[in-house]
Protein backbone atom coordinates (compact mmCIF):
# COMPACT_ATOMS: atom_id res chain seq x y z
CA UNK A 1 -34.96 36.45 -69.03
CA UNK A 2 -37.52 36.78 -66.24
CA UNK A 3 -39.84 33.94 -65.27
CA UNK A 4 -43.56 34.25 -65.89
CA UNK A 5 -45.79 33.31 -62.95
CA UNK A 6 -49.06 31.58 -63.82
CA UNK A 7 -51.81 30.61 -61.38
CA UNK A 8 -54.04 27.60 -61.91
CA UNK A 9 -56.56 25.84 -59.70
CA UNK A 10 -54.79 23.47 -57.31
CA UNK A 11 -57.21 20.56 -57.78
CA UNK A 12 -60.21 19.43 -59.79
CA UNK A 13 -61.14 19.31 -63.45
CA UNK A 14 -59.97 22.85 -64.20
CA UNK A 15 -56.54 21.92 -62.85
CA UNK A 16 -56.30 18.87 -65.10
CA UNK A 17 -57.40 20.74 -68.23
CA UNK A 18 -55.06 23.65 -67.46
CA UNK A 19 -52.05 21.37 -67.09
CA UNK A 20 -53.01 19.55 -70.30
CA UNK A 21 -53.18 22.69 -72.42
CA UNK A 22 -49.77 23.80 -71.14
CA UNK A 23 -48.36 20.38 -72.00
CA UNK A 24 -49.96 20.50 -75.44
CA UNK A 25 -48.26 23.87 -75.87
CA UNK A 26 -44.91 22.11 -75.42
CA UNK A 27 -44.31 23.11 -71.80
CA UNK A 28 -42.94 20.47 -69.43
CA UNK A 29 -43.89 21.06 -65.80
CA UNK A 30 -41.94 19.31 -63.05
CA UNK A 31 -44.40 18.97 -60.21
CA UNK A 32 -44.80 16.40 -57.48
CA UNK A 33 -47.76 15.30 -55.40
CA UNK A 34 -49.24 18.12 -53.25
CA UNK A 35 -46.67 20.58 -54.56
CA UNK A 36 -48.02 24.16 -54.56
CA UNK A 37 -45.36 25.61 -56.85
CA UNK A 38 -43.51 24.12 -59.82
CA UNK A 39 -41.24 25.32 -62.61
CA UNK A 40 -41.27 24.43 -66.26
CA UNK A 41 -38.09 22.75 -67.45
CA UNK A 42 -38.18 24.14 -71.01
CA UNK A 43 -39.99 27.48 -70.78
CA UNK A 44 -39.60 30.52 -68.46
CA UNK A 45 -42.74 29.67 -66.47
CA UNK A 46 -43.48 29.06 -62.80
CA UNK A 47 -46.84 27.49 -61.90
CA UNK A 48 -48.61 28.38 -58.66
CA UNK A 49 -51.38 26.00 -57.61
CA UNK A 50 -53.94 28.15 -55.79
CA UNK A 51 -57.45 28.00 -54.43
CA UNK A 52 -59.71 28.96 -57.32
CA UNK A 53 -61.52 31.78 -55.51
CA UNK A 54 -58.20 33.43 -54.56
CA UNK A 55 -56.83 33.70 -58.10
CA UNK A 56 -58.51 37.01 -59.12
CA UNK A 57 -56.96 38.81 -56.16
CA UNK A 58 -53.52 37.37 -56.92
CA UNK A 59 -53.87 38.81 -60.43
CA UNK A 60 -55.04 42.21 -59.15
CA UNK A 61 -52.13 42.40 -56.68
CA UNK A 62 -49.58 41.35 -59.31
CA UNK A 63 -48.47 38.29 -57.33
CA UNK A 64 -48.98 36.29 -60.53
CA UNK A 65 -48.68 37.59 -64.09
CA UNK A 66 -51.29 35.39 -65.71
CA UNK A 67 -53.85 32.77 -64.75
CA UNK A 68 -56.13 30.11 -66.15
CA UNK A 69 -59.41 30.71 -64.34
CA UNK A 70 -63.14 30.48 -64.89
CA UNK A 71 -64.49 33.80 -66.13
CA UNK A 72 -67.37 33.43 -63.65
CA UNK A 73 -64.82 34.28 -60.96
CA UNK A 74 -63.61 37.31 -62.88
CA UNK A 75 -67.18 38.59 -63.14
CA UNK A 76 -67.54 38.15 -59.38
CA UNK A 77 -64.12 39.31 -58.17
CA UNK A 78 -62.07 40.78 -60.99
CA UNK A 79 -64.07 42.76 -63.53
CA UNK A 80 -61.06 44.93 -64.41
CA UNK A 81 -58.81 41.97 -65.22
CA UNK A 82 -58.12 41.56 -68.94
CA UNK A 83 -59.03 38.29 -70.63
CA UNK A 84 -56.74 37.59 -73.58
CA UNK A 85 -57.99 34.15 -74.65
CA UNK A 86 -61.06 31.98 -74.13
CA UNK A 87 -59.88 28.39 -73.73
CA UNK A 88 -62.98 26.36 -74.58
CA UNK A 89 -62.98 24.02 -71.57
CA UNK A 90 -64.61 23.92 -68.11
CA UNK A 91 -67.78 25.33 -69.65
CA UNK A 92 -70.70 25.94 -67.32
CA UNK A 93 -73.54 28.36 -66.57
CA UNK A 94 -74.19 30.61 -63.60
CA UNK A 95 -77.88 30.01 -63.09
CA UNK A 96 -80.85 30.64 -60.83
CA UNK A 97 -82.51 27.46 -59.56
CA UNK A 98 -85.62 26.93 -57.47
CA UNK A 99 -87.35 23.88 -55.94
CA UNK A 100 -89.21 21.79 -58.52
CA UNK A 101 -92.52 22.52 -56.79
CA UNK A 102 -92.02 26.28 -57.21
CA UNK A 103 -94.51 27.64 -59.77
CA UNK A 104 -91.97 29.87 -61.51
CA UNK A 105 -93.14 32.24 -64.24
CA UNK A 106 -90.60 35.10 -64.24
CA UNK A 107 -87.74 36.57 -62.25
CA UNK A 108 -90.28 38.84 -60.56
CA UNK A 109 -91.51 35.78 -58.64
CA UNK A 110 -88.30 35.95 -56.58
CA UNK A 111 -88.86 39.49 -55.31
CA UNK A 112 -88.20 39.63 -51.56
CA UNK A 113 -87.00 36.03 -51.39
CA UNK A 114 -83.83 34.54 -49.93
CA UNK A 115 -81.11 33.55 -52.43
CA UNK A 116 -78.21 31.32 -51.37
CA UNK A 117 -75.03 31.72 -53.41
CA UNK A 118 -71.24 31.86 -53.49
CA UNK A 119 -71.48 34.77 -55.96
CA UNK A 120 -73.09 37.70 -54.08
CA UNK A 121 -71.90 40.45 -56.46
CA UNK A 122 -73.11 38.54 -59.52
CA UNK A 123 -76.48 37.91 -57.87
CA UNK A 124 -76.91 41.51 -56.75
CA UNK A 125 -76.02 42.91 -60.19
CA UNK A 126 -78.40 40.51 -61.92
CA UNK A 127 -81.44 41.12 -59.73
CA UNK A 128 -80.82 44.87 -59.58
CA UNK A 129 -80.84 44.92 -63.39
CA UNK A 130 -84.28 43.26 -63.27
CA UNK A 131 -85.64 45.61 -60.62
CA UNK A 132 -85.96 42.74 -58.15
CA UNK A 133 -85.00 42.94 -54.47
CA UNK A 134 -83.61 39.77 -52.88
CA UNK A 135 -82.08 38.77 -49.56
CA UNK A 136 -78.65 37.27 -50.31
CA UNK A 137 -77.28 34.50 -48.12
CA UNK A 138 -73.59 34.02 -48.96
CA UNK A 139 -72.28 30.51 -48.37
CA UNK A 140 -69.02 28.97 -49.58
CA UNK A 141 -70.08 25.46 -50.52
CA UNK A 142 -72.97 23.00 -50.98
CA UNK A 143 -75.21 25.84 -52.15
CA UNK A 144 -77.73 23.43 -53.68
CA UNK A 145 -78.78 22.07 -50.28
CA UNK A 146 -79.88 25.50 -48.98
CA UNK A 147 -83.58 25.30 -50.04
CA UNK A 148 -83.92 21.78 -48.63
CA UNK A 149 -82.81 22.86 -45.15
CA UNK A 150 -84.84 26.06 -45.10
CA UNK A 151 -81.90 28.44 -45.50
CA UNK A 152 -83.08 29.91 -48.81
CA UNK A 153 -85.96 29.98 -51.26
CA UNK A 154 -83.71 29.73 -54.34
CA UNK A 155 -80.05 29.52 -55.27
CA UNK A 156 -77.59 30.95 -57.77
CA UNK A 157 -74.76 28.55 -58.55
CA UNK A 158 -72.64 27.01 -61.28
CA UNK A 159 -74.50 24.47 -63.41
CA UNK A 160 -72.70 22.04 -65.71
CA UNK A 161 -74.79 18.95 -66.47
CA UNK A 162 -77.64 19.80 -64.11
CA UNK A 163 -77.33 16.47 -62.29
CA UNK A 164 -76.61 18.12 -58.93
CA UNK A 165 -79.75 20.24 -59.23
CA UNK A 166 -81.79 17.15 -60.10
CA UNK A 167 -80.45 15.22 -57.10
CA UNK A 168 -81.45 18.08 -54.80
CA UNK A 169 -84.94 18.45 -56.27
CA UNK A 170 -84.15 21.78 -57.95
CA UNK A 171 -84.78 23.15 -61.44
CA UNK A 172 -82.91 25.76 -63.44
CA UNK A 173 -85.10 28.78 -64.25
CA UNK A 174 -82.70 31.56 -65.33
CA UNK A 175 -79.23 31.58 -66.89
CA UNK A 176 -77.34 34.69 -65.75
CA UNK A 177 -74.37 34.05 -68.03
CA UNK A 178 -72.27 31.29 -69.57
CA UNK A 179 -68.74 30.72 -68.34
CA UNK A 180 -65.60 28.90 -69.45
CA UNK A 181 -61.90 28.81 -68.62
CA UNK A 182 -59.97 31.85 -69.82
CA UNK A 183 -56.42 33.14 -69.91
CA UNK A 184 -56.38 36.30 -67.78
CA UNK A 185 -53.57 38.83 -67.28
CA UNK A 186 -52.61 40.92 -64.26
CA UNK A 187 -52.91 44.71 -64.70
CA UNK A 188 -49.43 44.97 -63.16
CA UNK A 189 -47.63 42.78 -65.71
CA UNK A 190 -44.20 44.12 -66.79
CA UNK A 191 -43.16 44.69 -70.43
CA UNK A 192 -40.63 41.85 -70.14
CA UNK A 193 -43.28 39.45 -68.82
CA UNK A 194 -45.64 40.61 -71.56
CA UNK A 195 -43.24 39.29 -74.20
CA UNK A 196 -43.35 35.84 -72.59
CA UNK A 197 -47.15 36.05 -72.35
CA UNK A 198 -47.33 36.80 -76.08
CA UNK A 199 -45.24 33.70 -76.82
CA UNK A 200 -47.38 31.54 -74.52
CA UNK A 201 -50.61 32.90 -76.03
CA UNK A 202 -49.34 32.13 -79.54
CA UNK A 203 -48.66 28.52 -78.55
CA UNK A 204 -52.04 28.11 -76.87
CA UNK A 205 -53.85 29.58 -79.88
CA UNK A 206 -52.12 27.01 -82.08
CA UNK A 207 -53.29 24.21 -79.78
CA UNK A 208 -56.87 25.50 -79.71
CA UNK A 209 -57.03 25.80 -83.49
CA UNK A 210 -55.78 22.23 -83.83
CA UNK A 211 -58.42 20.96 -81.37
CA UNK A 212 -61.16 22.49 -83.52
CA UNK A 213 -59.84 21.10 -86.82
CA UNK A 214 -59.09 17.87 -88.68
CA UNK A 215 -56.67 17.24 -91.52
CA UNK A 216 -58.45 15.69 -94.50
CA UNK A 217 -57.04 13.85 -97.53
CA UNK A 218 -59.03 12.44 -100.44
CA UNK A 219 -58.71 11.17 -103.98
CA UNK A 220 -60.53 13.35 -106.51
CA UNK A 221 -60.92 13.14 -110.32
CA UNK A 222 -59.12 16.11 -111.82
CA UNK A 223 -62.32 17.39 -113.41
CA UNK A 224 -63.97 17.47 -109.95
CA UNK A 225 -61.25 19.38 -108.07
CA UNK A 226 -62.86 22.78 -108.63
CA UNK A 227 -66.20 21.54 -107.27
CA UNK A 228 -64.50 19.96 -104.24
CA UNK A 229 -62.55 23.18 -103.64
CA UNK A 230 -65.79 25.14 -103.32
CA UNK A 231 -66.93 22.84 -100.51
CA UNK A 232 -63.75 22.75 -98.46
CA UNK A 233 -62.85 25.56 -96.07
CA UNK A 234 -59.12 26.12 -96.73
CA UNK A 235 -56.30 27.96 -94.97
CA UNK A 236 -55.05 29.54 -98.19
CA UNK A 237 -55.62 27.11 -101.06
CA UNK A 238 -56.02 23.38 -101.59
CA UNK A 239 -52.95 21.16 -101.68
CA UNK A 240 -53.24 19.07 -104.85
CA UNK A 241 -50.83 16.21 -105.64
CA UNK A 242 -51.07 14.02 -108.80
CA UNK A 243 -51.70 10.30 -108.26
CA UNK A 244 -50.08 7.46 -110.21
CA UNK A 245 -53.45 6.82 -111.85
CA UNK A 246 -53.90 9.32 -114.66
CA UNK A 247 -56.74 11.81 -114.26
CA UNK A 248 -56.77 11.62 -110.44
CA UNK A 249 -55.21 13.76 -107.70
CA UNK A 250 -54.82 13.65 -103.93
CA UNK A 251 -56.45 16.72 -102.37
CA UNK A 252 -55.46 17.87 -98.86
CA UNK A 253 -57.10 20.47 -96.63
CA UNK A 254 -58.24 21.29 -93.09
CA UNK A 255 -61.84 20.89 -91.97
CA UNK A 256 -63.74 22.16 -88.93
CA UNK A 257 -64.61 19.16 -86.76
CA UNK A 258 -68.00 20.64 -85.80
CA UNK A 259 -69.17 20.55 -89.44
CA UNK A 260 -67.22 17.41 -90.33
CA UNK A 261 -70.03 15.02 -91.27
CA UNK A 262 -72.00 17.55 -93.29
CA UNK A 263 -68.91 18.42 -95.34
CA UNK A 264 -67.98 14.75 -95.82
CA UNK A 265 -71.41 14.05 -97.33
CA UNK A 266 -71.00 16.98 -99.74
CA UNK A 267 -67.50 15.84 -100.73
CA UNK A 268 -68.75 12.34 -101.58
CA UNK A 269 -71.53 13.77 -103.71
CA UNK A 270 -68.96 15.97 -105.49
CA UNK A 271 -66.89 12.90 -106.47
CA UNK A 272 -64.31 12.53 -103.70
CA UNK A 273 -63.22 8.98 -102.78
CA UNK A 274 -60.87 7.35 -100.28
CA UNK A 275 -61.39 10.11 -97.74
CA UNK A 276 -58.92 9.99 -94.84
CA UNK A 277 -59.27 12.18 -91.74
CA UNK A 278 -56.39 12.76 -89.28
CA UNK A 279 -56.05 14.68 -86.00
CA UNK A 280 -53.91 17.82 -85.95
CA UNK A 281 -51.47 18.25 -83.08
CA UNK A 282 -50.70 21.95 -83.64
CA UNK A 283 -51.86 24.49 -86.20
CA UNK A 284 -49.64 27.53 -86.68
CA UNK A 285 -50.90 30.30 -88.95
């Protein structure tokens, strides 16, 4: 069997989250400090730790088969690269920001102005779509300082919490698009590698489903089971087990963690007692 090559960011939060999701998918990676390449001990996978901005080109050239990368980079450098799974972490926005003193009313206010960014293609596409002409100043880092030193009138950069903008006396005025980490595939992947990708994707999907769900158990009077069943979102049907106390059953199901508290309140009103909620490690459908 061939070995699948996957690229991930060599440092930072995206690196940590990428390694974690591979570990949660049951893949053990033997890597040392400052190692730029490592192999999995229990899965046909080789990890390449690369500079984030270089990953789209490695995918295009077929140097790696698959990558965990922010889709903001694919918009900028790899529009033709297929995304097979959104991963739900490293979420951010690619936004336009201006100095706080700027009396901003619409994107037309930026016509003819200087925009500092690390994403020139994204900026050009956005302002062209609005019929606005801007002067792009491409810089590779510390974009947010550009207005303060007179290099630009506004910036386009990644925004997570907004704290960096605040510290540099900037305000967000337009969101170009929202980004998150994705699983992206090279257009040059071989059929043999594709089989391994399908297996990896299946594992990752199981991990992501588990992260979004909780396992719930409760005691319910038998005459209330139907009412409880109408409240609970279920995979196929409720699991119902009789209790030692006559007239009662233990009801098991899976619940979406985002709606957890609302559903719990409804279950209590419907007659459920002794509700127990547990994390799910994997969820295979």
